[in-house]
Protein backbone atom coordinates (compact mmCIF):
# COMPACT_ATOMS: atom_id res chain seq x y z
CA MET A 1 99.01 126.12 79.39
CA ASN A 2 100.55 128.22 82.13
CA MET A 3 103.27 126.92 84.47
CA ARG A 4 100.96 126.45 87.47
CA ALA A 5 98.50 124.30 85.51
CA LEU A 6 101.37 122.25 84.08
CA ALA A 7 102.80 121.71 87.58
CA ILE A 8 99.41 120.51 88.87
CA VAL A 9 99.00 118.08 85.96
CA LEU A 10 102.51 116.70 86.47
CA LEU A 11 101.99 116.37 90.24
CA CYS A 12 98.70 114.51 89.76
CA GLY A 13 100.31 112.17 87.23
CA PHE A 14 103.23 111.50 89.58
CA ALA A 15 100.88 110.83 92.50
CA LEU A 16 98.78 108.42 90.42
CA ALA A 17 101.84 106.48 89.25
CA THR A 18 103.39 106.41 92.71
CA PHE A 19 100.34 105.34 94.66
CA SER A 20 99.38 102.56 92.25
CA GLY A 21 102.79 100.89 92.70
CA CYS A 22 103.16 97.21 91.88
CA CYS A 23 99.87 96.47 93.60
CA ALA A 24 97.79 97.69 90.69
CA VAL A 25 97.30 94.08 89.60
CA THR A 26 95.54 93.03 92.80
CA PRO A 27 91.77 92.72 93.19
CA MET A 28 91.73 95.81 95.43
CA ASN A 29 94.02 98.81 95.41
CA GLY A 30 94.34 101.37 98.19
CA SER A 31 96.41 104.46 97.60
CA LEU A 32 97.50 104.87 101.23
CA PHE A 33 97.89 101.33 102.60
CA VAL A 34 97.21 97.81 101.35
CA ASP A 35 97.54 94.61 103.39
CA LEU A 36 95.54 92.01 101.47
CA LYS A 37 95.46 88.20 101.44
CA GLY A 38 93.55 86.23 98.85
CA PRO A 39 93.25 83.04 96.83
CA VAL A 40 94.95 82.57 93.49
CA ALA A 41 94.31 79.01 92.32
CA VAL A 42 93.34 75.47 93.27
CA GLY A 43 95.20 72.37 92.09
CA SER A 44 94.59 68.62 92.03
CA ALA A 45 96.79 67.48 94.94
CA GLY A 46 95.00 65.60 97.71
CA GLY A 47 96.83 67.27 100.60
CA SER A 48 98.83 70.31 101.58
CA SER A 49 101.63 69.02 103.81
CA LYS A 50 104.29 71.20 102.14
CA VAL A 51 104.41 74.99 101.87
CA GLY A 52 106.57 77.14 99.59
CA GLU A 53 106.82 80.93 99.22
CA ALA A 54 108.15 83.29 96.58
CA LYS A 55 108.40 87.07 97.01
CA ALA A 56 108.85 90.28 95.03
CA MET A 57 109.57 93.63 96.68
CA GLY A 58 109.47 97.23 95.59
CA ILE A 59 110.95 100.38 97.08
CA LEU A 60 110.19 103.78 95.57
CA GLY A 61 108.78 102.24 92.40
CA VAL A 62 111.73 99.90 91.74
CA VAL A 63 110.44 96.31 91.91
CA THR A 64 112.55 93.13 91.94
CA GLY A 65 112.02 89.50 92.76
CA ASP A 66 110.33 86.37 91.52
CA CYS A 67 106.92 85.70 93.04
CA SER A 68 105.92 83.02 90.53
CA ILE A 69 104.07 79.84 91.46
CA GLU A 70 106.92 77.85 89.92
CA THR A 71 109.49 79.43 92.26
CA ALA A 72 107.26 78.96 95.30
CA MET A 73 106.88 75.27 94.36
CA LYS A 74 110.67 74.88 94.08
CA ASN A 75 111.20 76.65 97.42
CA GLY A 76 108.78 74.24 99.14
CA GLY A 77 109.79 71.07 97.31
CA ILE A 78 106.26 70.80 95.91
CA THR A 79 105.40 68.72 92.84
CA LYS A 80 101.58 68.71 93.10
CA VAL A 81 99.65 71.89 93.97
CA HIS A 82 96.73 71.81 96.41
CA HIS A 83 96.08 75.57 96.44
CA VAL A 84 97.82 78.92 96.02
CA ASP A 85 97.35 82.08 98.07
CA SER A 86 98.82 85.56 97.74
CA LYS A 87 99.60 88.43 100.07
CA THR A 88 100.01 92.02 98.92
CA LYS A 89 101.32 94.94 100.95
CA ASN A 90 101.80 98.53 99.79
CA ILE A 91 102.56 101.52 101.97
CA LEU A 92 102.10 104.87 100.18
CA GLY A 93 103.76 103.44 97.07
CA ILE A 94 107.06 103.71 98.93
CA TYR A 95 107.30 100.06 100.00
CA ALA A 96 105.46 97.18 98.35
CA GLU A 97 105.65 93.40 98.45
CA TYR A 98 103.82 90.50 96.82
CA ILE A 99 104.13 87.00 98.26
CA THR A 100 102.88 83.85 96.54
CA THR A 101 102.33 80.88 98.86
CA VAL A 102 101.86 77.41 97.40
CA TYR A 103 100.47 74.49 99.42
CA GLY A 104 100.79 70.93 98.15
CA GLU A 105 102.61 67.62 98.14
């Protein structure tokens, strides 16, 4: 394989890895921009008077945070889940965030 072909293969691999980011686990993935809200789960609570959020962020492929349902419940003082939503944002694989929002009692 010549150097030019190798460079093209490496560039394509880098672009694929970069643009998928941490949003590759969402129902939809855009390589340029993602701003998506969607449902995650439904619980047995009768109401949704409390709200809790948990967030993970990524910059240049380095992702940190805890966006678990458990953490969102703790942050909102929730013991019974009514429903869970998520929000995903990804801009060119440079900046990404995933927010879990729990509603409940």
